[in-house]
Amino acid sequence: MSKSGTNPMRPRDSRIGRFLRFSRGSRGVLITLLLCCCVAVLFSLRSADTDRTKATWLWDTEWIRDSGEDIVSFCRTNGVNLVYLQISDRVEQATYREFIRKAHEAGIDVHALNGAPEWAKERHEEEGKSFIRWVSDYNQQAAEGERFAGVHLDVEPYLLPEWKQDEASLVHSWVDNMKIWLEEGREAGLYMAADVPFWLPRLDMPTGNGKVSSWMLEQFDSLTIMAYRDNSDSIYESSKNLLSQADKLGKPIVIGLELGKTNEGGYLSFHGKPLDYFEEQLRDVKELGASHSSFAGAAVHHLRVWYDRVK
């Protein structure tokens, strides 16, 4: 103690106390700011994922007749916002209208799906034209919330037995037919999309000038890559070439994953593998694809198998 009876350490203690109180306050502000940043990042990631397409193929068209509401509920629960619905002459237009209306109410778009390997052959362009005209006529008669949001072509000439011997000729007629279908679709004001194999970039245009993949990316509104493998790394590696081409052309790409059974090899599908593993790989594909500006989302092939696995 000093002679005056005051504690010479008190002013310093006071400064330390103020510093500690300030530090504690600063830490609180800093922690709050960090929490806000984390929430903002998580929100932006969730928003980005919400903005992406999650599609699925629905081949069993008659299923929508009695189970339309259940199908829509399943899609909504699993984050699906786009259904590729095959068109069948065994299903009435009223059934399509009812299903699409329910889907739209749930925030799900529906594309009219059709195609066959034979459509790529010479003198088979009429099948595709008739399909596109049907969609156009249907949309003109349907109410706004009951219309197809686009056309989705699934024409795979490489499944034809003559593909190995006559690839060049089939590519030629396939491209010629696609030109006709695209013109028909544009005249009708339809969004035009198509399924393509991941190895499409290897095919040359019939003219020898450029690749079929580049031409299709330029002509179609979007493409869905059938990148059927059983792990995310292989799926991304298979898709990378097309994604890079699409980056340069500013066109959206959806990556397709196979959940159904295939006779071409177990490595092509998630069939027989745990559903949790499939969901994990699906998330990884989205993360890997996000490095490309063209990546628009993922698609699960196909809905009936997916539904049965979950249910």
C-alpha atoms as a PDB file:
ATOM      1  CA  MET A   1       0.000   0.000   0.000  1.00  0.00           C
ATOM      2  CA  SER A   2       1.226   3.576  -0.724  1.00  0.00           C
ATOM      3  CA  LYS A   3       1.320   6.278   1.869  1.00  0.00           C
ATOM      4  CA  SER A   4      -1.866   7.771   0.489  1.00  0.00           C
ATOM      5  CA  GLY A   5      -3.669   4.479   1.116  1.00  0.00           C
ATOM      6  CA  THR A   6      -4.473   3.940  -2.560  1.00  0.00           C
ATOM      7  CA  ASN A   7      -3.621   0.782  -4.487  1.00  0.00           C
ATOM      8  CA  PRO A   8      -1.184   1.658  -7.324  1.00  0.00           C
ATOM      9  CA  MET A   9      -2.282  -1.493  -9.164  1.00  0.00           C
ATOM     10  CA  ARG A  10      -5.953  -0.481  -9.353  1.00  0.00           C
ATOM     11  CA  PRO A  11      -5.706   1.746 -12.483  1.00  0.00           C
ATOM     12  CA  ARG A  12      -3.958  -1.088 -14.325  1.00  0.00           C
ATOM     13  CA  ASP A  13      -6.544  -3.593 -13.037  1.00  0.00           C
ATOM     14  CA  SER A  14      -9.231  -1.277 -14.330  1.00  0.00           C
ATOM     15  CA  ARG A  15      -7.618  -1.171 -17.765  1.00  0.00           C
ATOM     16  CA  ILE A  16      -7.325  -4.974 -17.828  1.00  0.00           C
ATOM     17  CA  GLY A  17     -10.940  -5.302 -16.787  1.00  0.00           C
ATOM     18  CA  ARG A  18     -12.073  -2.973 -19.538  1.00  0.00           C
ATOM     19  CA  PHE A  19      -9.928  -4.886 -22.020  1.00  0.00           C
ATOM     20  CA  LEU A  20     -11.357  -8.216 -20.918  1.00  0.00           C
ATOM     21  CA  ARG A  21     -14.887  -6.891 -21.039  1.00  0.00           C
ATOM     22  CA  PHE A  22     -14.197  -5.487 -24.528  1.00  0.00           C
ATOM     23  CA  SER A  23     -12.624  -8.775 -25.634  1.00  0.00           C
ATOM     24  CA  ARG A  24     -15.581 -10.763 -24.383  1.00  0.00           C
ATOM     25  CA  GLY A  25     -17.929  -8.396 -26.206  1.00  0.00           C
ATOM     26  CA  SER A  26     -15.833  -8.605 -29.372  1.00  0.00           C
ATOM     27  CA  ARG A  27     -15.822 -12.384 -29.204  1.00  0.00           C
ATOM     28  CA  GLY A  28     -19.599 -12.335 -28.961  1.00  0.00           C
ATOM     29  CA  VAL A  29     -19.877 -10.070 -31.992  1.00  0.00           C
ATOM     30  CA  LEU A  30     -17.344 -12.185 -33.890  1.00  0.00           C
ATOM     31  CA  ILE A  31     -19.173 -15.421 -33.055  1.00  0.00           C
ATOM     32  CA  THR A  32     -22.455 -13.851 -34.137  1.00  0.00           C
ATOM     33  CA  LEU A  33     -20.904 -12.714 -37.422  1.00  0.00           C
ATOM     34  CA  LEU A  34     -19.432 -16.176 -38.045  1.00  0.00           C
ATOM     35  CA  LEU A  35     -22.785 -17.832 -37.348  1.00  0.00           C
ATOM     36  CA  CYS A  36     -24.491 -15.413 -39.757  1.00  0.00           C
ATOM     37  CA  CYS A  37     -21.884 -16.196 -42.423  1.00  0.00           C
ATOM     38  CA  CYS A  38     -22.377 -19.949 -41.940  1.00  0.00           C
ATOM     39  CA  VAL A  39     -26.141 -19.582 -42.206  1.00  0.00           C
ATOM     40  CA  ALA A  40     -25.736 -17.454 -45.346  1.00  0.00           C
ATOM     41  CA  VAL A  41     -23.431 -20.027 -46.952  1.00  0.00           C
ATOM     42  CA  LEU A  42     -25.770 -22.904 -46.079  1.00  0.00           C
ATOM     43  CA  PHE A  43     -28.729 -20.924 -47.406  1.00  0.00           C
ATOM     44  CA  SER A  44     -26.941 -20.120 -50.651  1.00  0.00           C
ATOM     45  CA  LEU A  45     -25.939 -23.772 -51.111  1.00  0.00           C
ATOM     46  CA  ARG A  46     -29.487 -24.909 -50.438  1.00  0.00           C
ATOM     47  CA  SER A  47     -30.816 -22.267 -52.845  1.00  0.00           C
ATOM     48  CA  ALA A  48     -28.360 -23.356 -55.537  1.00  0.00           C
ATOM     49  CA  ASP A  49     -29.392 -26.989 -55.105  1.00  0.00           C
ATOM     50  CA  THR A  50     -33.073 -26.008 -55.137  1.00  0.00           C
ATOM     51  CA  ASP A  51     -32.538 -24.133 -58.387  1.00  0.00           C
ATOM     52  CA  ARG A  52     -31.066 -27.209 -60.038  1.00  0.00           C
ATOM     53  CA  THR A  53     -33.064 -29.805 -61.916  1.00  0.00           C
ATOM     54  CA  LYS A  54     -33.835 -33.135 -60.300  1.00  0.00           C
ATOM     55  CA  ALA A  55     -35.550 -35.180 -62.990  1.00  0.00           C
ATOM     56  CA  THR A  56     -36.747 -38.718 -63.524  1.00  0.00           C
ATOM     57  CA  TRP A  57     -38.020 -40.826 -66.417  1.00  0.00           C
ATOM     58  CA  LEU A  58     -41.554 -42.224 -66.180  1.00  0.00           C
ATOM     59  CA  TRP A  59     -41.924 -44.973 -68.788  1.00  0.00           C
ATOM     60  CA  ASP A  60     -44.935 -46.765 -67.324  1.00  0.00           C
ATOM     61  CA  THR A  61     -47.444 -44.186 -68.572  1.00  0.00           C
ATOM     62  CA  GLU A  62     -50.598 -46.046 -67.540  1.00  0.00           C
ATOM     63  CA  TRP A  63     -49.384 -45.840 -63.939  1.00  0.00           C
ATOM     64  CA  ILE A  64     -50.517 -42.194 -63.815  1.00  0.00           C
ATOM     65  CA  ARG A  65     -54.144 -43.214 -64.420  1.00  0.00           C
ATOM     66  CA  ASP A  66     -54.769 -44.650 -60.953  1.00  0.00           C
ATOM     67  CA  SER A  67     -51.704 -43.459 -59.009  1.00  0.00           C
ATOM     68  CA  GLY A  68     -51.112 -39.933 -60.270  1.00  0.00           C
ATOM     69  CA  GLU A  69     -51.481 -38.303 -56.864  1.00  0.00           C
ATOM     70  CA  ASP A  70     -49.172 -40.856 -55.221  1.00  0.00           C
ATOM     71  CA  ILE A  71     -46.550 -40.364 -57.950  1.00  0.00           C
ATOM     72  CA  VAL A  72     -46.643 -36.580 -57.538  1.00  0.00           C
ATOM     73  CA  SER A  73     -46.370 -36.949 -53.757  1.00  0.00           C
ATOM     74  CA  PHE A  74     -43.334 -39.239 -54.132  1.00  0.00           C
ATOM     75  CA  CYS A  75     -41.663 -36.811 -56.533  1.00  0.00           C
ATOM     76  CA  ARG A  76     -42.296 -33.842 -54.254  1.00  0.00           C
ATOM     77  CA  THR A  77     -40.958 -35.717 -51.199  1.00  0.00           C
ATOM     78  CA  ASN A  78     -37.785 -36.687 -53.080  1.00  0.00           C
ATOM     79  CA  GLY A  79     -37.132 -33.243 -54.542  1.00  0.00           C
ATOM     80  CA  VAL A  80     -38.069 -34.047 -58.138  1.00  0.00           C
ATOM     81  CA  ASN A  81     -39.027 -30.960 -60.153  1.00  0.00           C
ATOM     82  CA  LEU A  82     -39.077 -32.441 -63.657  1.00  0.00           C
ATOM     83  CA  VAL A  83     -40.654 -35.639 -64.999  1.00  0.00           C
ATOM     84  CA  TYR A  84     -39.942 -37.068 -68.445  1.00  0.00           C
ATOM     85  CA  LEU A  85     -43.312 -38.743 -69.101  1.00  0.00           C
ATOM     86  CA  GLN A  86     -43.559 -41.185 -71.998  1.00  0.00           C
ATOM     87  CA  ILE A  87     -46.517 -40.615 -74.276  1.00  0.00           C
ATOM     88  CA  SER A  88     -48.766 -43.615 -74.860  1.00  0.00           C
ATOM     89  CA  ASP A  89     -51.843 -43.903 -77.064  1.00  0.00           C
ATOM     90  CA  ARG A  90     -53.340 -46.115 -74.344  1.00  0.00           C
ATOM     91  CA  VAL A  91     -53.685 -43.098 -72.065  1.00  0.00           C
ATOM     92  CA  GLU A  92     -56.461 -40.550 -72.586  1.00  0.00           C
ATOM     93  CA  GLN A  93     -55.732 -36.828 -72.847  1.00  0.00           C
ATOM     94  CA  ALA A  94     -57.904 -36.206 -69.790  1.00  0.00           C
ATOM     95  CA  THR A  95     -55.515 -38.396 -67.763  1.00  0.00           C
ATOM     96  CA  TYR A  96     -52.510 -36.380 -68.937  1.00  0.00           C
ATOM     97  CA  ARG A  97     -54.284 -33.134 -68.083  1.00  0.00           C
ATOM     98  CA  GLU A  98     -55.134 -34.300 -64.579  1.00  0.00           C
ATOM     99  CA  PHE A  99     -51.612 -35.600 -63.879  1.00  0.00           C
ATOM    100  CA  ILE A 100     -49.844 -32.506 -65.226  1.00  0.00           C
ATOM    101  CA  ARG A 101     -52.178 -30.220 -63.280  1.00  0.00           C
ATOM    102  CA  LYS A 102     -51.337 -32.049 -60.031  1.00  0.00           C
ATOM    103  CA  ALA A 103     -47.635 -31.966 -60.894  1.00  0.00           C
ATOM    104  CA  HIS A 104     -47.696 -28.222 -61.630  1.00  0.00           C
ATOM    105  CA  GLU A 105     -49.470 -27.557 -58.337  1.00  0.00           C
ATOM    106  CA  ALA A 106     -46.555 -29.349 -56.641  1.00  0.00           C
ATOM    107  CA  GLY A 107     -43.970 -27.297 -58.559  1.00  0.00           C
ATOM    108  CA  ILE A 108     -43.082 -30.118 -60.959  1.00  0.00           C
ATOM    109  CA  ASP A 109     -42.717 -29.656 -64.729  1.00  0.00           C
ATOM    110  CA  VAL A 110     -43.586 -32.476 -67.118  1.00  0.00           C
ATOM    111  CA  HIS A 111     -41.871 -33.079 -70.471  1.00  0.00           C
ATOM    112  CA  ALA A 112     -43.409 -35.326 -73.126  1.00  0.00           C
ATOM    113  CA  LEU A 113     -41.026 -38.254 -73.638  1.00  0.00           C
ATOM    114  CA  ASN A 114     -40.845 -40.552 -76.628  1.00  0.00           C
ATOM    115  CA  GLY A 115     -38.498 -42.204 -79.068  1.00  0.00           C
ATOM    116  CA  ALA A 116     -37.112 -45.502 -80.333  1.00  0.00           C
ATOM    117  CA  PRO A 117     -33.827 -46.589 -81.944  1.00  0.00           C
ATOM    118  CA  GLU A 118     -35.640 -47.046 -85.288  1.00  0.00           C
ATOM    119  CA  TRP A 119     -36.535 -43.349 -85.380  1.00  0.00           C
ATOM    120  CA  ALA A 120     -32.937 -42.665 -86.384  1.00  0.00           C
ATOM    121  CA  LYS A 121     -33.262 -44.623 -89.616  1.00  0.00           C
ATOM    122  CA  GLU A 122     -33.789 -43.144 -93.053  1.00  0.00           C
ATOM    123  CA  ARG A 123     -37.475 -42.576 -93.872  1.00  0.00           C
ATOM    124  CA  HIS A 124     -38.414 -42.826 -90.185  1.00  0.00           C
ATOM    125  CA  GLU A 125     -38.560 -39.109 -89.506  1.00  0.00           C
ATOM    126  CA  GLU A 126     -42.362 -39.190 -89.543  1.00  0.00           C
ATOM    127  CA  GLU A 127     -42.542 -40.981 -86.177  1.00  0.00           C
ATOM    128  CA  GLY A 128     -40.830 -38.071 -84.467  1.00  0.00           C
ATOM    129  CA  LYS A 129     -42.810 -35.466 -86.403  1.00  0.00           C
ATOM    130  CA  SER A 130     -46.111 -37.095 -85.450  1.00  0.00           C
ATOM    131  CA  PHE A 131     -45.083 -37.182 -81.794  1.00  0.00           C
ATOM    132  CA  ILE A 132     -44.129 -33.496 -81.745  1.00  0.00           C
ATOM    133  CA  ARG A 133     -47.344 -32.540 -83.564  1.00  0.00           C
ATOM    134  CA  TRP A 134     -49.330 -34.516 -80.978  1.00  0.00           C
ATOM    135  CA  VAL A 135     -47.657 -32.566 -78.140  1.00  0.00           C
ATOM    136  CA  SER A 136     -48.292 -29.271 -79.932  1.00  0.00           C
ATOM    137  CA  ASP A 137     -51.958 -30.090 -80.545  1.00  0.00           C
ATOM    138  CA  TYR A 138     -52.403 -31.280 -76.979  1.00  0.00           C
ATOM    139  CA  ASN A 139     -50.883 -28.080 -75.541  1.00  0.00           C
ATOM    140  CA  GLN A 140     -53.142 -25.909 -77.701  1.00  0.00           C
ATOM    141  CA  GLN A 141     -56.224 -27.632 -76.301  1.00  0.00           C
ATOM    142  CA  ALA A 142     -55.065 -27.891 -72.663  1.00  0.00           C
ATOM    143  CA  ALA A 143     -55.326 -25.210 -69.984  1.00  0.00           C
ATOM    144  CA  GLU A 144     -52.133 -23.412 -69.023  1.00  0.00           C
ATOM    145  CA  GLY A 145     -51.478 -25.546 -65.931  1.00  0.00           C
ATOM    146  CA  GLU A 146     -52.094 -28.765 -67.854  1.00  0.00           C
ATOM    147  CA  ARG A 147     -49.547 -28.338 -70.649  1.00  0.00           C
ATOM    148  CA  PHE A 148     -46.283 -30.136 -71.270  1.00  0.00           C
ATOM    149  CA  ALA A 149     -43.328 -27.867 -70.506  1.00  0.00           C
ATOM    150  CA  GLY A 150     -41.276 -29.410 -73.298  1.00  0.00           C
ATOM    151  CA  VAL A 151     -40.409 -32.369 -75.520  1.00  0.00           C
ATOM    152  CA  HIS A 152     -37.830 -34.969 -74.511  1.00  0.00           C
ATOM    153  CA  LEU A 153     -36.488 -37.255 -77.244  1.00  0.00           C
ATOM    154  CA  ASP A 154     -34.939 -40.626 -76.465  1.00  0.00           C
ATOM    155  CA  VAL A 155     -33.590 -41.922 -79.769  1.00  0.00           C
ATOM    156  CA  GLU A 156     -30.636 -44.311 -79.408  1.00  0.00           C
ATOM    157  CA  PRO A 157     -29.543 -45.660 -82.819  1.00  0.00           C
ATOM    158  CA  TYR A 158     -26.506 -47.384 -81.298  1.00  0.00           C
ATOM    159  CA  LEU A 159     -28.915 -49.976 -79.856  1.00  0.00           C
ATOM    160  CA  LEU A 160     -29.752 -51.149 -83.385  1.00  0.00           C
ATOM    161  CA  PRO A 161     -28.066 -54.419 -84.444  1.00  0.00           C
ATOM    162  CA  GLU A 162     -26.727 -52.754 -87.604  1.00  0.00           C
ATOM    163  CA  TRP A 163     -24.949 -49.957 -85.703  1.00  0.00           C
ATOM    164  CA  LYS A 164     -21.552 -51.704 -85.666  1.00  0.00           C
ATOM    165  CA  GLN A 165     -21.553 -52.290 -89.397  1.00  0.00           C
ATOM    166  CA  ASP A 166     -23.343 -49.136 -90.529  1.00  0.00           C
ATOM    167  CA  GLU A 167     -22.572 -46.465 -87.941  1.00  0.00           C
ATOM    168  CA  ALA A 168     -21.775 -43.672 -90.414  1.00  0.00           C
ATOM    169  CA  SER A 169     -25.008 -44.154 -92.371  1.00  0.00           C
ATOM    170  CA  LEU A 170     -27.119 -44.272 -89.213  1.00  0.00           C
ATOM    171  CA  VAL A 171     -25.475 -41.129 -87.815  1.00  0.00           C
ATOM    172  CA  HIS A 172     -26.253 -39.400 -91.117  1.00  0.00           C
ATOM    173  CA  SER A 173     -29.953 -40.304 -91.070  1.00  0.00           C
ATOM    174  CA  TRP A 174     -30.194 -39.625 -87.320  1.00  0.00           C
ATOM    175  CA  VAL A 175     -28.886 -36.081 -87.737  1.00  0.00           C
ATOM    176  CA  ASP A 176     -31.131 -35.489 -90.774  1.00  0.00           C
ATOM    177  CA  ASN A 177     -34.181 -36.671 -88.804  1.00  0.00           C
ATOM    178  CA  MET A 178     -33.252 -34.539 -85.797  1.00  0.00           C
ATOM    179  CA  LYS A 179     -33.133 -31.472 -88.041  1.00  0.00           C
ATOM    180  CA  ILE A 180     -36.719 -32.168 -89.095  1.00  0.00           C
ATOM    181  CA  TRP A 181     -37.881 -32.732 -85.513  1.00  0.00           C
ATOM    182  CA  LEU A 182     -36.174 -29.591 -84.276  1.00  0.00           C
ATOM    183  CA  GLU A 183     -37.809 -27.527 -86.997  1.00  0.00           C
ATOM    184  CA  GLU A 184     -41.193 -29.001 -86.110  1.00  0.00           C
ATOM    185  CA  GLY A 185     -40.625 -28.249 -82.440  1.00  0.00           C
ATOM    186  CA  ARG A 186     -39.459 -24.682 -83.023  1.00  0.00           C
ATOM    187  CA  GLU A 187     -42.468 -23.902 -85.190  1.00  0.00           C
ATOM    188  CA  ALA A 188     -44.668 -25.103 -82.326  1.00  0.00           C
ATOM    189  CA  GLY A 189     -42.711 -23.048 -79.787  1.00  0.00           C
ATOM    190  CA  LEU A 190     -41.710 -26.140 -77.812  1.00  0.00           C
ATOM    191  CA  TYR A 191     -38.721 -26.572 -75.513  1.00  0.00           C
ATOM    192  CA  MET A 192     -36.635 -29.316 -77.138  1.00  0.00           C
ATOM    193  CA  ALA A 193     -34.434 -31.686 -75.117  1.00  0.00           C
ATOM    194  CA  ALA A 194     -32.873 -35.094 -75.693  1.00  0.00           C
ATOM    195  CA  ASP A 195     -31.077 -38.012 -74.052  1.00  0.00           C
ATOM    196  CA  VAL A 196     -27.520 -38.673 -75.229  1.00  0.00           C
ATOM    197  CA  PRO A 197     -24.798 -41.208 -74.353  1.00  0.00           C
ATOM    198  CA  PHE A 198     -21.759 -39.849 -72.514  1.00  0.00           C
ATOM    199  CA  TRP A 199     -19.509 -40.911 -75.396  1.00  0.00           C
ATOM    200  CA  LEU A 200     -21.388 -38.768 -77.941  1.00  0.00           C
ATOM    201  CA  PRO A 201     -18.369 -36.418 -78.454  1.00  0.00           C
ATOM    202  CA  ARG A 202     -16.565 -39.163 -80.366  1.00  0.00           C
ATOM    203  CA  LEU A 203     -19.114 -39.073 -83.217  1.00  0.00           C
ATOM    204  CA  ASP A 204     -18.282 -36.897 -86.225  1.00  0.00           C
ATOM    205  CA  MET A 205     -20.905 -34.972 -88.118  1.00  0.00           C
ATOM    206  CA  PRO A 206     -21.834 -36.576 -91.475  1.00  0.00           C
ATOM    207  CA  THR A 207     -20.309 -33.575 -93.234  1.00  0.00           C
ATOM    208  CA  GLY A 208     -17.012 -34.212 -91.427  1.00  0.00           C
ATOM    209  CA  ASN A 209     -17.236 -30.691 -90.033  1.00  0.00           C
ATOM    210  CA  GLY A 210     -17.374 -30.876 -86.242  1.00  0.00           C
ATOM    211  CA  LYS A 211     -18.876 -33.275 -83.723  1.00  0.00           C
ATOM    212  CA  VAL A 212     -22.463 -34.462 -83.328  1.00  0.00           C
ATOM    213  CA  SER A 213     -22.313 -33.453 -79.658  1.00  0.00           C
ATOM    214  CA  SER A 214     -21.459 -29.824 -80.474  1.00  0.00           C
ATOM    215  CA  TRP A 215     -24.200 -29.676 -83.086  1.00  0.00           C
ATOM    216  CA  MET A 216     -26.791 -31.118 -80.694  1.00  0.00           C
ATOM    217  CA  LEU A 217     -25.775 -28.707 -77.947  1.00  0.00           C
ATOM    218  CA  GLU A 218     -26.199 -25.818 -80.369  1.00  0.00           C
ATOM    219  CA  GLN A 219     -29.576 -27.024 -81.622  1.00  0.00           C
ATOM    220  CA  PHE A 220     -31.345 -28.420 -78.552  1.00  0.00           C
ATOM    221  CA  ASP A 221     -32.375 -26.401 -75.506  1.00  0.00           C
ATOM    222  CA  SER A 222     -30.777 -28.961 -73.185  1.00  0.00           C
ATOM    223  CA  LEU A 223     -29.328 -32.471 -73.132  1.00  0.00           C
ATOM    224  CA  THR A 224     -29.437 -35.238 -70.535  1.00  0.00           C
ATOM    225  CA  ILE A 225     -26.309 -37.396 -70.422  1.00  0.00           C
ATOM    226  CA  MET A 226     -26.873 -41.089 -69.781  1.00  0.00           C
ATOM    227  CA  ALA A 227     -23.717 -41.382 -67.669  1.00  0.00           C
ATOM    228  CA  TYR A 228     -24.553 -44.782 -66.294  1.00  0.00           C
ATOM    229  CA  ARG A 229     -21.925 -45.899 -63.796  1.00  0.00           C
ATOM    230  CA  ASP A 230     -22.114 -46.995 -60.151  1.00  0.00           C
ATOM    231  CA  ASN A 231     -19.992 -44.322 -58.479  1.00  0.00           C
ATOM    232  CA  SER A 232     -19.867 -40.544 -58.595  1.00  0.00           C
ATOM    233  CA  ASP A 233     -16.268 -40.241 -59.795  1.00  0.00           C
ATOM    234  CA  SER A 234     -16.889 -42.460 -62.836  1.00  0.00           C
ATOM    235  CA  ILE A 235     -20.167 -40.687 -63.568  1.00  0.00           C
ATOM    236  CA  TYR A 236     -18.472 -37.290 -63.508  1.00  0.00           C
ATOM    237  CA  GLU A 237     -15.469 -38.462 -65.545  1.00  0.00           C
ATOM    238  CA  SER A 238     -17.874 -39.869 -68.155  1.00  0.00           C
ATOM    239  CA  SER A 239     -19.773 -36.579 -68.313  1.00  0.00           C
ATOM    240  CA  LYS A 240     -16.847 -34.152 -68.155  1.00  0.00           C
ATOM    241  CA  ASN A 241     -16.225 -33.872 -71.890  1.00  0.00           C
ATOM    242  CA  LEU A 242     -19.828 -32.970 -72.716  1.00  0.00           C
ATOM    243  CA  LEU A 243     -20.051 -30.616 -69.738  1.00  0.00           C
ATOM    244  CA  SER A 244     -16.973 -28.760 -70.971  1.00  0.00           C
ATOM    245  CA  GLN A 245     -18.423 -28.442 -74.472  1.00  0.00           C
ATOM    246  CA  ALA A 246     -21.680 -27.168 -72.994  1.00  0.00           C
ATOM    247  CA  ASP A 247     -19.771 -24.645 -70.833  1.00  0.00           C
ATOM    248  CA  LYS A 248     -18.441 -22.998 -73.989  1.00  0.00           C
ATOM    249  CA  LEU A 249     -21.845 -22.979 -75.691  1.00  0.00           C
ATOM    250  CA  GLY A 250     -23.853 -21.875 -72.658  1.00  0.00           C
ATOM    251  CA  LYS A 251     -26.242 -24.816 -72.773  1.00  0.00           C
ATOM    252  CA  PRO A 252     -27.601 -26.736 -69.746  1.00  0.00           C
ATOM    253  CA  ILE A 253     -26.688 -30.351 -69.098  1.00  0.00           C
ATOM    254  CA  VAL A 254     -28.472 -32.823 -66.810  1.00  0.00           C
ATOM    255  CA  ILE A 255     -26.551 -35.929 -65.707  1.00  0.00           C
ATOM    256  CA  GLY A 256     -28.516 -39.188 -65.628  1.00  0.00           C
ATOM    257  CA  LEU A 257     -27.914 -42.014 -63.131  1.00  0.00           C
ATOM    258  CA  GLU A 258     -29.171 -45.585 -63.559  1.00  0.00           C
ATOM    259  CA  LEU A 259     -31.026 -47.234 -60.686  1.00  0.00           C
ATOM    260  CA  GLY A 260     -32.623 -50.033 -62.674  1.00  0.00           C
ATOM    261  CA  LYS A 261     -31.368 -53.509 -63.503  1.00  0.00           C
ATOM    262  CA  THR A 262     -29.172 -53.886 -66.559  1.00  0.00           C
ATOM    263  CA  ASN A 263     -27.713 -56.896 -68.341  1.00  0.00           C
ATOM    264  CA  GLU A 264     -24.707 -54.905 -69.537  1.00  0.00           C
ATOM    265  CA  GLY A 265     -22.719 -55.076 -66.297  1.00  0.00           C
ATOM    266  CA  GLY A 266     -23.179 -54.248 -62.626  1.00  0.00           C
ATOM    267  CA  TYR A 267     -20.836 -51.260 -62.840  1.00  0.00           C
ATOM    268  CA  LEU A 268     -23.418 -49.447 -64.993  1.00  0.00           C
ATOM    269  CA  SER A 269     -26.139 -49.255 -62.358  1.00  0.00           C
ATOM    270  CA  PHE A 270     -26.927 -48.746 -58.690  1.00  0.00           C
ATOM    271  CA  HIS A 271     -29.244 -51.755 -58.865  1.00  0.00           C
ATOM    272  CA  GLY A 272     -28.646 -54.067 -55.915  1.00  0.00           C
ATOM    273  CA  LYS A 273     -26.667 -51.427 -54.033  1.00  0.00           C
ATOM    274  CA  PRO A 274     -27.944 -49.768 -50.842  1.00  0.00           C
ATOM    275  CA  LEU A 275     -30.265 -46.834 -51.418  1.00  0.00           C
ATOM    276  CA  ASP A 276     -28.247 -44.730 -48.955  1.00  0.00           C
ATOM    277  CA  TYR A 277     -25.167 -45.322 -51.097  1.00  0.00           C
ATOM    278  CA  PHE A 278     -27.073 -44.222 -54.203  1.00  0.00           C
ATOM    279  CA  GLU A 279     -28.250 -41.025 -52.471  1.00  0.00           C
ATOM    280  CA  GLU A 280     -24.690 -40.310 -51.319  1.00  0.00           C
ATOM    281  CA  GLN A 281     -23.306 -40.758 -54.845  1.00  0.00           C
ATOM    282  CA  LEU A 282     -26.105 -38.570 -56.221  1.00  0.00           C
ATOM    283  CA  ARG A 283     -25.079 -35.779 -53.841  1.00  0.00           C
ATOM    284  CA  ASP A 284     -21.438 -36.229 -54.861  1.00  0.00           C
ATOM    285  CA  VAL A 285     -22.345 -35.996 -58.556  1.00  0.00           C
ATOM    286  CA  LYS A 286     -24.057 -32.665 -57.856  1.00  0.00           C
ATOM    287  CA  GLU A 287     -20.973 -31.379 -56.047  1.00  0.00           C
ATOM    288  CA  LEU A 288     -18.634 -32.494 -58.837  1.00  0.00           C
ATOM    289  CA  GLY A 289     -20.884 -31.156 -61.567  1.00  0.00           C
ATOM    290  CA  ALA A 290     -21.196 -27.771 -59.868  1.00  0.00           C
ATOM    291  CA  SER A 291     -17.712 -26.839 -61.112  1.00  0.00           C
ATOM    292  CA  HIS A 292     -19.269 -26.457 -64.590  1.00  0.00           C
ATOM    293  CA  SER A 293     -21.496 -23.536 -65.508  1.00  0.00           C
ATOM    294  CA  SER A 294     -23.458 -25.880 -67.789  1.00  0.00           C
ATOM    295  CA  PHE A 295     -24.377 -28.331 -65.034  1.00  0.00           C
ATOM    296  CA  ALA A 296     -28.136 -28.024 -64.509  1.00  0.00           C
ATOM    297  CA  GLY A 297     -28.836 -31.009 -62.257  1.00  0.00           C
ATOM    298  CA  ALA A 298     -29.324 -34.768 -62.170  1.00  0.00           C
ATOM    299  CA  ALA A 299     -31.899 -37.298 -63.355  1.00  0.00           C
ATOM    300  CA  VAL A 300     -32.769 -40.720 -61.937  1.00  0.00           C
ATOM    301  CA  HIS A 301     -33.546 -43.589 -64.307  1.00  0.00           C
ATOM    302  CA  HIS A 302     -36.189 -44.547 -63.712  1.00  0.00           C
ATOM    303  CA  LEU A 303     -39.154 -43.566 -61.541  1.00  0.00           C
ATOM    304  CA  ARG A 304     -40.851 -46.949 -61.153  1.00  0.00           C
ATOM    305  CA  VAL A 305     -37.669 -48.640 -59.910  1.00  0.00           C
ATOM    306  CA  TRP A 306     -36.893 -45.701 -57.622  1.00  0.00           C
ATOM    307  CA  TYR A 307     -40.431 -45.704 -56.216  1.00  0.00           C
ATOM    308  CA  ASP A 308     -40.375 -49.449 -55.566  1.00  0.00           C
ATOM    309  CA  ARG A 309     -36.963 -49.231 -53.854  1.00  0.00           C
ATOM    310  CA  VAL A 310     -38.086 -46.472 -51.499  1.00  0.00           C
ATOM    311  CA  LYS A 311     -41.551 -47.917 -50.801  1.00  0.00           C
END
